[in-house]
Amino acid sequence: LSHRRLHDAAAAGDAAKVGELLAGGEDPTLRHIAFGFKVPYDVSADGATRDAFRRFCGASPGAWNWERAHVPSGLTEAEEEARRERHRRRARDQRRAAERARRARRKGEQGAREAAEIA
């Protein structure tokens, strides 16, 4: 069963195990019948697991034929930090937009109360 450990870890969404197996020499280009003859990257359960493949590819670009393994590109620490910064910026912008919407709603409610008091 050792020839399918990488597939099993990827399908289970175990990014840490995927990293360990790749570091241990498991071949990400192998296809397995139990997984519809797909490579491990293609059966990855989630983005974190796919990122484990991309992270290893970024650290070891010559280790495997990553195109054959269907890994789109290597992921470097700088790229991960840029991604985290984009997520932080997007979250901040969403919080600001929500606060603007709350203020506008309160202003509208205040205007409606004042209009009701006058009437």
Foldseek 3Di string as FASTA:
>chain_A
DVLCQLLVCQLVQPQVVNLVVVVVPHAQLFFDVVVVRAGSLVNGPDDSNLLSVQQVCQVCVPSHPVVSSVNPHHAYPVNVVVVVVVVVVVVVVVVVVVVVVVVVVVVVVVVVVVVVVVD
